[in-house]
Protein backbone atom coordinates (compact mmCIF):
# COMPACT_ATOMS: atom_id res chain seq x y z
CA MET A 1 -1.17 15.43 -2.71
CA ALA A 2 -2.07 11.99 -0.66
CA HIS A 3 -0.34 11.09 2.42
CA ILE A 4 2.75 8.29 2.24
CA LEU A 5 3.85 6.27 4.71
CA ILE A 6 6.38 4.19 4.39
CA ALA A 7 7.92 1.31 5.94
CA ASP A 8 11.80 0.29 5.25
CA ASP A 9 14.52 -1.07 7.50
CA ASP A 10 16.69 1.11 6.11
CA GLU A 11 16.38 4.42 6.75
CA LEU A 12 18.84 5.96 4.01
CA ILE A 13 15.92 4.08 1.14
CA ALA A 14 13.30 5.73 3.45
CA GLU A 15 14.34 9.25 3.08
CA MET A 16 15.24 8.81 -0.22
CA ALA A 17 12.32 7.59 -1.90
CA ALA A 18 10.29 10.32 1.01
CA ASP A 19 12.39 13.18 -0.86
CA ILE A 20 11.84 12.26 -4.16
CA LEU A 21 7.47 11.88 -3.42
CA ILE A 22 8.01 14.97 -1.50
CA LYS A 23 9.23 16.48 -4.24
CA ALA A 24 6.06 15.70 -6.89
CA GLY A 25 4.17 16.88 -3.99
CA HIS A 26 3.04 14.34 -1.60
CA ALA A 27 3.13 14.03 2.24
CA CYS A 28 5.11 12.10 3.45
CA GLY A 29 6.82 9.98 6.48
CA TRP A 30 8.59 6.55 7.50
CA VAL A 31 9.25 4.52 9.78
CA THR A 32 12.00 1.48 10.21
CA GLU A 33 10.13 -1.94 11.68
CA GLY A 34 6.89 -3.68 11.01
CA THR A 35 5.41 -3.16 14.71
CA LYS A 36 6.12 0.41 14.63
CA LEU A 37 3.64 0.03 11.39
CA LEU A 38 0.91 -1.36 13.06
CA ASP A 39 1.16 0.52 16.06
CA LEU A 40 1.05 3.94 13.61
CA LEU A 41 -2.12 2.59 11.44
CA ARG A 42 -4.05 2.14 15.19
CA TRP A 43 -3.48 6.62 14.97
CA ARG A 44 -3.73 7.71 10.96
CA ARG A 45 -4.32 5.29 7.82
CA PRO A 46 -2.19 6.96 4.81
CA ASP A 47 -3.57 7.43 1.68
CA VAL A 48 -0.76 4.63 -0.11
CA LEU A 49 1.86 2.50 2.42
CA LEU A 50 5.26 1.51 0.46
CA LEU A 51 6.29 -1.53 2.60
CA ASP A 52 9.37 -3.17 2.70
CA GLN A 53 9.09 -7.23 1.27
CA ASP A 54 12.07 -7.62 3.64
CA MET A 55 12.08 -6.54 7.03
CA PRO A 56 13.64 -7.77 10.65
CA GLY A 57 10.83 -8.70 12.84
CA LEU A 58 7.57 -8.17 11.18
CA THR A 59 8.59 -9.16 7.23
CA GLY A 60 6.53 -6.74 5.27
CA LYS A 61 4.64 -10.50 3.86
CA GLN A 62 3.51 -10.95 7.86
CA VAL A 63 2.86 -7.04 8.04
CA LEU A 64 0.76 -6.88 4.90
CA ARG A 65 -1.56 -10.39 6.45
CA GLU A 66 -2.52 -8.01 8.63
CA ILE A 67 -3.58 -5.19 7.05
CA ARG A 68 -5.48 -7.52 4.63
CA GLN A 69 -6.93 -9.29 7.61
CA SER A 70 -8.23 -6.18 9.82
CA GLU A 71 -11.23 -4.96 9.41
CA LYS A 72 -9.46 -1.16 9.52
CA HIS A 73 -7.12 -1.16 6.82
CA TYR A 74 -8.14 -4.14 4.82
CA ASP A 75 -8.16 -1.95 1.55
CA LEU A 76 -5.10 0.05 2.59
CA PRO A 77 -3.60 0.55 -1.47
CA VAL A 78 0.21 -0.90 -0.21
CA ILE A 79 3.24 -0.93 -2.88
CA MET A 80 5.59 -3.60 -2.14
CA PHE A 81 9.07 -2.22 -1.87
CA THR A 82 11.84 -4.66 -2.20
CA ALA A 83 15.62 -5.63 -2.64
CA ILE A 84 14.84 -8.76 -3.51
CA HIS A 85 14.38 -9.53 -7.23
CA GLY A 86 12.98 -12.16 -8.59
CA ALA A 87 9.78 -12.26 -10.31
CA TYR A 88 8.17 -15.03 -7.72
CA ASP A 89 8.50 -12.77 -5.12
CA GLU A 90 7.04 -9.89 -7.02
CA GLN A 91 4.05 -12.23 -8.14
CA ALA A 92 3.74 -13.32 -4.35
CA ALA A 93 3.63 -9.46 -3.19
CA LEU A 94 0.56 -9.74 -5.61
CA TYR A 95 -1.14 -12.46 -4.14
CA GLY A 96 -0.90 -11.24 -1.16
CA GLY A 97 -3.02 -8.18 -1.96
CA ALA A 98 -0.22 -5.54 -2.66
CA GLN A 99 -1.45 -3.21 -5.38
CA GLY A 100 2.51 -2.75 -7.17
CA HIS A 101 5.93 -3.47 -6.65
CA ILE A 102 9.28 -1.47 -7.20
CA ARG A 103 12.38 -2.86 -6.83
CA LYS A 104 15.47 -1.50 -5.15
CA PRO A 105 17.10 0.56 -6.30
CA PHE A 106 14.76 1.95 -7.70
CA LEU A 107 14.32 5.48 -10.85
CA ASP A 108 12.92 8.12 -9.53
CA LYS A 109 10.22 8.66 -12.15
CA PHE A 110 9.39 5.14 -11.41
CA LEU A 111 8.54 4.96 -7.73
CA VAL A 112 6.40 8.84 -8.69
CA ARG A 113 4.48 6.88 -11.78
CA THR A 114 3.81 3.46 -10.11
CA VAL A 115 2.36 5.80 -6.85
CA GLU A 116 0.09 8.21 -8.91
CA LEU A 117 -1.06 4.74 -11.00
CA VAL A 118 -2.12 3.29 -7.44
CA LEU A 119 -3.13 6.36 -6.46
CA ALA A 120 -5.39 7.16 -9.89
CA SER A 121 -6.73 3.50 -8.93
CA ARG A 122 -8.72 4.66 -6.78
CA GLU A 123 -9.79 7.51 -7.58
CA GLY A 124 -13.65 8.07 -7.38
CA ARG A 125 -14.10 5.24 -4.68
CA PRO A 126 -14.74 6.37 -1.21
CA SER A 127 -12.12 6.76 0.51
CA HIS A 128 -12.47 4.27 2.71
CA LEU A 129 -16.02 1.80 4.15
CA SER A 130 -15.69 -0.80 7.04
CA LEU A 131 -15.72 -4.26 6.12
CA SER A 132 -19.16 -4.27 7.31
CA GLU A 133 -19.97 -1.56 5.34
CA ALA A 134 -17.79 -2.85 1.79
CA LEU A 135 -20.09 -6.27 2.45
CA GLY A 136 -23.75 -4.24 2.94
CA TYR A 137 -22.49 -2.08 -0.23
CA GLN A 138 -21.71 -4.76 -2.19
CA SER A 139 -25.19 -7.32 -1.72
CA GLN A 140 -26.55 -3.59 -2.68
CA VAL A 141 -25.05 -2.97 -6.08
CA PRO A 142 -27.11 -5.10 -9.10
CA ASP A 143 -26.35 -8.19 -11.29
CA PRO A 144 -24.93 -7.21 -14.34
CA ALA A 145 -26.42 -10.73 -15.70
CA HIS A 146 -30.32 -9.29 -14.65
CA ARG A 147 -30.51 -6.25 -16.43
CA LEU A 148 -33.57 -5.28 -17.87
CA VAL A 149 -33.05 -5.13 -21.46
């Protein structure tokens, strides 16, 4: 069971996505504004964030940028969740640091599968390291080019 947070200004969509993910065995909650999302992240870190790309106020892109610049949440798995259709928007989301992209309207199975793929890609990793810990860890990993044969 994963803890999933949904940030979407359309409460109907957020509730529908939460119901689907709860039926799939996950715990879900949602917020309707980017500023509320950032406030909530100060108190609780979800396992995955579904983030609407086009919210009023702080947009999903702006929130994603804040998350990626945060020492505490730089590695939070984010799936962009949008009604915007276009390859450019999907590429921009992935380039901005999202691990996935779901277009609305969505199929139940596609939503669950995308979340499960992102969660599976994180298996075996620590749930979270601070940025300084992660950088220290990476500097201790031996360079594969210097392997002894």
